[in-house]
N, C-alpha and C. Protein backbone atom coordinates (compact mmCIF):
# COMPACT_ATOMS: atom_id res chain seq x y z
N MET A 1 55.86 47.82 55.15
CA MET A 1 56.16 47.08 56.25
C MET A 1 54.70 46.99 57.11
N THR A 2 54.32 45.71 57.10
CA THR A 2 53.25 45.43 57.85
C THR A 2 53.63 44.38 59.04
N GLU A 3 52.78 44.41 60.11
CA GLU A 3 52.99 43.70 61.14
C GLU A 3 52.23 42.52 61.52
N GLY A 4 51.26 42.12 60.53
CA GLY A 4 50.34 41.28 60.65
C GLY A 4 48.92 41.89 60.99
N PRO A 5 47.81 41.02 60.87
CA PRO A 5 46.78 41.30 61.22
C PRO A 5 46.31 41.86 62.63
N VAL A 6 45.22 42.62 62.82
CA VAL A 6 45.01 43.25 64.18
C VAL A 6 43.81 42.44 64.69
N SER A 7 43.78 42.20 66.03
CA SER A 7 42.80 41.17 66.39
C SER A 7 41.58 42.21 66.99
N THR A 8 40.52 41.71 67.28
CA THR A 8 39.43 42.60 68.01
C THR A 8 39.84 42.83 69.30
N ALA A 9 40.44 42.12 70.08
CA ALA A 9 40.87 42.47 71.53
C ALA A 9 41.90 43.65 71.27
N GLU A 10 42.92 43.47 70.55
CA GLU A 10 44.06 44.24 70.34
C GLU A 10 43.25 45.69 69.89
N LEU A 11 42.58 45.77 68.90
CA LEU A 11 42.05 47.21 68.45
C LEU A 11 41.10 47.75 69.42
N ALA A 12 40.18 46.78 70.30
CA ALA A 12 39.51 47.25 71.54
C ALA A 12 40.42 48.06 72.61
N GLY A 13 41.44 47.54 72.72
CA GLY A 13 42.33 47.89 73.79
C GLY A 13 43.22 49.47 73.50
N ARG A 14 43.30 49.45 71.92
CA ARG A 14 44.07 50.65 71.39
C ARG A 14 43.16 51.83 71.09
N LEU A 15 41.78 51.77 71.10
CA LEU A 15 40.98 52.93 70.69
C LEU A 15 41.40 53.99 71.52
N GLY A 16 41.49 55.06 70.87
CA GLY A 16 41.78 56.53 71.59
C GLY A 16 43.53 56.67 71.56
N GLU A 17 44.29 55.86 71.23
CA GLU A 17 45.69 56.13 71.27
C GLU A 17 45.90 57.29 70.22
N LYS A 18 46.76 58.02 71.08
CA LYS A 18 46.92 59.36 69.99
C LYS A 18 47.76 58.92 68.76
N ASP A 19 48.61 58.27 68.62
CA ASP A 19 49.42 58.17 67.36
C ASP A 19 48.69 56.98 66.48
N LEU A 20 47.65 56.35 66.99
CA LEU A 20 47.13 55.51 65.92
C LEU A 20 45.83 56.04 65.20
N VAL A 21 46.26 55.82 63.77
CA VAL A 21 44.99 56.14 62.69
C VAL A 21 44.19 54.89 62.53
N LEU A 22 42.78 55.09 62.60
CA LEU A 22 42.01 53.91 62.43
C LEU A 22 41.39 54.41 61.38
N LEU A 23 41.45 53.68 60.05
CA LEU A 23 40.84 54.00 58.97
C LEU A 23 39.58 53.24 58.47
N ASP A 24 38.50 53.70 58.37
CA ASP A 24 37.07 52.88 57.58
C ASP A 24 37.24 53.05 56.15
N VAL A 25 37.16 52.11 55.58
CA VAL A 25 37.42 52.00 53.92
C VAL A 25 36.17 51.77 53.41
N ARG A 26 35.20 51.54 53.97
CA ARG A 26 33.78 51.01 53.56
C ARG A 26 33.21 52.54 52.76
N THR A 27 31.98 52.22 52.42
CA THR A 27 31.22 53.45 51.79
C THR A 27 31.02 54.33 52.50
N ALA A 28 30.63 55.52 52.42
CA ALA A 28 30.19 56.92 53.19
C ALA A 28 28.83 56.28 53.75
N GLU A 29 28.10 55.64 53.29
CA GLU A 29 26.78 55.10 53.88
C GLU A 29 27.00 54.24 54.93
N GLU A 30 27.98 53.46 54.97
CA GLU A 30 28.09 52.19 55.96
C GLU A 30 28.81 53.07 57.13
N TYR A 31 29.83 53.99 56.59
CA TYR A 31 30.55 54.42 57.67
C TYR A 31 29.32 55.53 58.61
N ALA A 32 28.56 56.09 58.03
CA ALA A 32 27.39 57.01 58.63
C ALA A 32 26.70 56.11 59.32
N GLY A 33 26.35 54.87 59.27
CA GLY A 33 25.31 54.02 59.85
C GLY A 33 24.06 53.89 59.02
N LEU A 34 24.11 54.51 57.90
CA LEU A 34 22.98 54.37 56.91
C LEU A 34 22.66 53.23 56.23
N ALA A 35 23.66 52.44 56.08
CA ALA A 35 23.38 51.25 55.37
C ALA A 35 24.17 50.24 56.28
N VAL A 36 23.58 48.87 56.35
CA VAL A 36 24.22 47.85 57.04
C VAL A 36 23.87 46.38 56.62
N ALA A 37 24.77 45.66 56.42
CA ALA A 37 24.49 44.25 55.62
C ALA A 37 23.62 43.56 56.85
N PRO A 38 22.86 42.77 56.04
CA PRO A 38 21.88 41.88 56.76
C PRO A 38 22.35 41.06 57.79
N CYS A 39 23.55 40.72 57.73
CA CYS A 39 24.43 39.72 58.32
C CYS A 39 24.91 40.51 60.07
N ASP A 40 24.82 41.82 59.96
CA ASP A 40 25.17 42.43 61.07
C ASP A 40 24.04 42.97 61.88
N PRO A 41 24.23 42.72 63.22
CA PRO A 41 23.13 43.28 63.99
C PRO A 41 22.92 44.67 64.52
N ARG A 42 24.04 45.41 63.99
CA ARG A 42 24.08 46.82 64.25
C ARG A 42 24.64 47.54 62.95
N ALA A 43 24.39 48.91 62.83
CA ALA A 43 25.24 49.78 61.68
C ALA A 43 25.93 50.55 62.54
N GLY A 44 26.91 51.37 61.96
CA GLY A 44 27.76 52.18 62.62
C GLY A 44 29.24 52.12 62.01
N ARG A 45 30.16 52.47 63.09
CA ARG A 45 31.63 52.69 62.79
C ARG A 45 32.31 52.51 64.13
N ILE A 46 33.54 52.08 64.17
CA ILE A 46 34.32 52.07 65.60
C ILE A 46 34.64 53.38 65.85
N PRO A 47 34.29 53.80 67.06
CA PRO A 47 34.66 55.12 67.50
C PRO A 47 36.02 55.66 67.04
N GLY A 48 36.21 56.74 66.44
CA GLY A 48 37.46 57.54 66.40
C GLY A 48 38.12 57.18 65.00
N ALA A 49 37.21 56.35 64.12
CA ALA A 49 37.63 55.97 62.81
C ALA A 49 37.36 57.29 61.89
N ARG A 50 38.56 57.33 61.06
CA ARG A 50 38.34 58.31 59.81
C ARG A 50 37.69 57.75 58.71
N HIS A 51 37.07 58.24 58.03
CA HIS A 51 36.54 57.59 56.72
C HIS A 51 37.43 58.10 55.46
N VAL A 52 37.86 57.15 54.85
CA VAL A 52 38.25 57.22 53.50
C VAL A 52 38.04 55.93 52.85
N GLY A 53 37.06 56.17 51.89
CA GLY A 53 36.57 55.02 50.83
C GLY A 53 37.66 54.31 50.25
N LEU A 54 37.56 53.08 50.12
CA LEU A 54 38.53 52.38 49.01
C LEU A 54 38.64 53.07 47.63
N ASP A 55 37.34 53.46 47.25
CA ASP A 55 37.47 53.94 45.78
C ASP A 55 38.22 55.48 45.78
N GLU A 56 38.33 56.14 46.83
CA GLU A 56 38.96 57.53 46.85
C GLU A 56 40.46 56.96 47.23
N LEU A 57 40.76 56.07 47.90
CA LEU A 57 42.32 55.64 48.36
C LEU A 57 42.86 55.14 46.99
N PHE A 58 42.17 54.45 46.06
CA PHE A 58 42.64 53.99 44.78
C PHE A 58 42.67 55.21 43.98
N GLY A 59 41.62 56.13 44.06
CA GLY A 59 42.04 57.61 43.38
C GLY A 59 43.48 58.16 43.56
N ALA A 60 43.33 58.37 44.91
CA ALA A 60 44.89 59.04 45.38
C ALA A 60 46.08 58.24 44.95
N GLY A 61 45.94 57.12 45.11
CA GLY A 61 47.13 56.03 44.83
C GLY A 61 47.50 56.37 43.48
N ALA A 62 46.67 56.80 42.41
CA ALA A 62 46.93 57.07 41.16
C ALA A 62 47.91 58.35 40.86
N GLY A 63 47.77 59.09 42.02
CA GLY A 63 48.71 60.21 42.27
C GLY A 63 50.04 60.14 42.86
N GLY A 64 50.33 58.74 43.32
CA GLY A 64 51.32 58.58 44.09
C GLY A 64 51.38 58.65 45.56
N PRO A 65 52.53 58.44 46.47
CA PRO A 65 52.49 58.24 47.81
C PRO A 65 51.97 59.48 48.44
N ASP A 66 52.29 60.66 47.96
CA ASP A 66 52.12 61.99 48.53
C ASP A 66 50.68 62.46 48.33
N ALA A 67 49.85 61.92 47.35
CA ALA A 67 48.53 62.08 47.28
C ALA A 67 47.82 61.25 48.56
N VAL A 68 48.22 59.86 48.70
CA VAL A 68 47.68 59.08 49.44
C VAL A 68 47.83 59.64 50.94
N ARG A 69 49.17 60.21 51.34
CA ARG A 69 49.19 60.59 52.49
C ARG A 69 48.35 61.94 52.81
N ALA A 70 48.40 62.62 51.50
CA ALA A 70 47.26 63.96 51.91
C ALA A 70 46.01 63.64 52.07
N LEU A 71 45.51 62.35 51.43
CA LEU A 71 44.12 62.09 51.77
C LEU A 71 43.97 61.27 53.13
N VAL A 72 44.95 60.33 53.55
CA VAL A 72 44.88 60.04 54.89
C VAL A 72 45.28 60.84 56.04
N GLY A 73 45.85 62.15 55.64
CA GLY A 73 46.23 62.89 56.50
C GLY A 73 47.14 62.77 57.91
N ALA A 74 47.76 61.48 57.67
CA ALA A 74 48.94 61.46 58.66
C ALA A 74 50.51 61.42 58.21
N ASP A 75 51.23 61.43 59.04
CA ASP A 75 52.78 61.44 58.52
C ASP A 75 53.09 60.29 58.16
N PRO A 76 54.13 60.25 57.13
CA PRO A 76 54.77 58.85 56.66
C PRO A 76 55.17 58.26 58.15
N GLY A 77 55.20 56.91 58.02
CA GLY A 77 55.54 56.24 58.98
C GLY A 77 54.69 55.81 60.19
N ALA A 78 53.60 56.70 60.10
CA ALA A 78 52.41 56.53 61.34
C ALA A 78 51.76 54.82 61.17
N GLU A 79 51.39 54.44 62.04
CA GLU A 79 50.49 53.22 62.20
C GLU A 79 49.18 53.54 61.88
N VAL A 80 48.62 52.75 60.88
CA VAL A 80 47.17 52.92 60.49
C VAL A 80 46.43 51.55 60.38
N ILE A 81 45.61 51.48 60.98
CA ILE A 81 44.77 50.14 60.88
C ILE A 81 43.44 50.45 60.20
N ALA A 82 43.44 49.85 58.89
CA ALA A 82 42.14 49.76 58.33
C ALA A 82 41.34 48.56 58.40
N TYR A 83 39.87 49.02 58.09
CA TYR A 83 39.01 48.00 58.23
C TYR A 83 37.73 48.40 57.50
N CYS A 84 36.94 47.40 57.14
CA CYS A 84 35.98 47.51 56.42
C CYS A 84 34.66 46.52 56.84
N HIS A 85 33.98 45.92 55.93
CA HIS A 85 32.99 45.10 56.39
C HIS A 85 33.41 43.86 56.74
N SER A 86 34.36 42.99 56.13
CA SER A 86 34.68 41.74 56.16
C SER A 86 36.17 41.51 56.02
N GLY A 87 37.09 42.76 55.85
CA GLY A 87 38.54 42.49 55.75
C GLY A 87 39.00 42.32 54.41
N SER A 88 38.27 42.19 53.37
CA SER A 88 38.59 42.26 52.06
C SER A 88 39.01 43.49 51.51
N ARG A 89 38.37 44.73 51.74
CA ARG A 89 38.72 45.88 50.97
C ARG A 89 39.59 46.32 51.89
N SER A 90 39.52 46.26 53.17
CA SER A 90 40.81 46.96 53.95
C SER A 90 41.95 46.06 53.88
N ALA A 91 42.17 44.66 53.26
CA ALA A 91 43.58 44.10 52.91
C ALA A 91 43.89 44.68 51.70
N VAL A 92 43.37 45.05 50.83
CA VAL A 92 43.72 45.97 49.49
C VAL A 92 44.26 47.37 50.18
N ALA A 93 43.33 47.94 50.78
CA ALA A 93 43.94 49.46 51.29
C ALA A 93 45.01 49.18 52.20
N VAL A 94 45.44 48.21 52.85
CA VAL A 94 46.67 48.21 53.42
C VAL A 94 47.81 48.14 52.61
N GLN A 95 47.69 47.46 51.39
CA GLN A 95 48.62 47.35 50.30
C GLN A 95 49.01 48.75 49.92
N LEU A 96 48.04 49.66 49.51
CA LEU A 96 48.11 51.12 48.94
C LEU A 96 48.87 51.90 50.27
N LEU A 97 48.36 51.62 51.43
CA LEU A 97 48.97 52.39 52.63
C LEU A 97 50.41 52.00 52.86
N VAL A 98 50.68 50.75 52.98
CA VAL A 98 52.13 50.33 52.90
C VAL A 98 53.03 50.86 51.87
N SER A 99 52.50 51.10 50.69
CA SER A 99 53.05 51.51 49.52
C SER A 99 53.54 53.35 49.63
N ALA A 100 52.49 53.94 50.52
CA ALA A 100 52.70 55.25 50.56
C ALA A 100 53.52 55.52 51.82
N GLY A 101 54.02 54.42 52.48
CA GLY A 101 55.01 54.56 53.65
C GLY A 101 54.53 54.49 55.10
N TYR A 102 53.27 53.84 55.17
CA TYR A 102 52.64 53.82 56.57
C TYR A 102 53.03 52.40 57.15
N ARG A 103 53.09 52.35 58.32
CA ARG A 103 52.97 50.97 58.89
C ARG A 103 51.65 50.66 59.17
N ALA A 104 50.94 49.93 57.89
CA ALA A 104 49.44 49.63 57.92
C ALA A 104 49.23 48.18 58.20
N ARG A 105 48.27 48.05 59.01
CA ARG A 105 47.80 46.61 59.47
C ARG A 105 46.21 46.67 59.26
N ASN A 106 45.83 45.23 58.97
CA ASN A 106 44.42 45.06 58.49
C ASN A 106 43.75 44.47 59.68
N TYR A 107 42.51 44.91 60.02
CA TYR A 107 41.60 44.42 61.00
C TYR A 107 40.80 43.50 60.28
N GLU A 108 41.04 42.14 60.25
CA GLU A 108 40.35 41.35 59.25
C GLU A 108 39.15 41.23 59.59
N GLY A 109 38.81 41.05 61.09
CA GLY A 109 37.45 40.97 61.64
C GLY A 109 36.57 42.08 60.97
N SER A 110 37.19 42.87 61.17
CA SER A 110 36.32 44.17 60.49
C SER A 110 35.04 44.61 61.11
N TRP A 111 34.15 45.38 60.53
CA TRP A 111 32.80 45.95 61.15
C TRP A 111 32.06 44.41 61.70
N HIS A 112 32.06 43.25 60.57
CA HIS A 112 31.21 42.37 60.77
C HIS A 112 31.34 41.74 62.10
N GLU A 113 32.87 41.61 62.43
CA GLU A 113 32.91 41.07 63.87
C GLU A 113 32.74 42.05 64.91
N TRP A 114 33.14 43.37 64.71
CA TRP A 114 32.84 44.30 65.87
C TRP A 114 31.34 44.51 66.03
N SER A 115 30.58 44.44 65.17
CA SER A 115 28.97 44.44 65.29
C SER A 115 28.44 43.58 66.09
N HIS A 116 29.01 42.37 66.17
CA HIS A 116 28.41 41.16 66.72
C HIS A 116 28.56 41.08 68.34
N ASP A 117 29.72 42.10 68.82
CA ASP A 117 29.91 42.06 70.09
C ASP A 117 29.38 43.35 70.84
N PRO A 118 28.12 43.41 71.75
CA PRO A 118 27.39 44.31 72.10
C PRO A 118 28.03 45.05 73.03
N ASP A 119 29.39 44.74 73.56
CA ASP A 119 30.20 45.37 74.70
C ASP A 119 31.16 46.13 73.99
N LEU A 120 31.28 46.11 72.56
CA LEU A 120 32.10 47.05 71.98
C LEU A 120 31.52 48.26 71.53
N PRO A 121 32.22 49.30 71.69
CA PRO A 121 31.48 50.78 71.45
C PRO A 121 31.19 51.09 70.00
N ALA A 122 30.23 51.62 69.59
CA ALA A 122 30.04 51.89 68.12
C ALA A 122 29.56 53.37 67.96
N GLU A 123 29.79 53.94 67.03
CA GLU A 123 28.94 55.32 66.81
C GLU A 123 28.46 55.43 65.43
N ASP A 124 27.81 56.31 65.13
CA ASP A 124 27.17 56.68 63.93
C ASP A 124 26.98 58.16 63.54
N ASP A 125 26.18 58.57 62.34
CA ASP A 125 26.09 59.89 62.17
C ASP A 125 24.43 60.28 62.57
N LEU A 126 23.93 59.50 63.17
CA LEU A 126 22.50 59.57 63.35
C LEU A 126 22.43 60.15 64.89
N GLY A 127 23.35 60.68 65.43
CA GLY A 127 23.38 61.37 66.74
C GLY A 127 23.15 60.51 67.99
N ALA A 128 23.64 59.24 67.87
CA ALA A 128 23.35 58.18 69.06
C ALA A 128 24.36 57.18 68.79
N SER A 129 24.91 56.40 69.92
CA SER A 129 25.89 55.71 69.70
C SER A 129 25.07 54.32 69.26
N ALA A 130 25.59 53.47 68.51
CA ALA A 130 25.03 52.14 67.88
C ALA A 130 25.22 51.20 68.79
N THR A 131 24.26 50.90 69.92
CA THR A 131 24.77 49.95 71.01
C THR A 131 24.15 48.55 70.59
N SER A 132 22.94 48.50 69.80
CA SER A 132 22.38 47.23 69.69
C SER A 132 21.46 47.17 68.31
């Protein structure tokens, strides 16, 4: 049960919502801000995002919906927005999340779009916000 893709404006306005789970399905290095695509002006992640790599999600998917829910750490029926670098990996993740009972949506613009707007917040594991 998906409600369609999420826009940058919608996601930016919803950051910090208590009942929203924001899931970054990129690699651990991308999530931490240690790796960045050459087409992106900054590294990092969207503030408040949890990291669950797509490969981990696939592995959990082999164990069924309960294993996916244990990995994601949210109750069935929760709203989950997934993103990656360009929206492709997160599109796949959304299908797995829906099959586990989540109200999952894809942020199609993903990190590529987010990183190009210097007014949008970002964070990384390097101890500073990634602002430019």
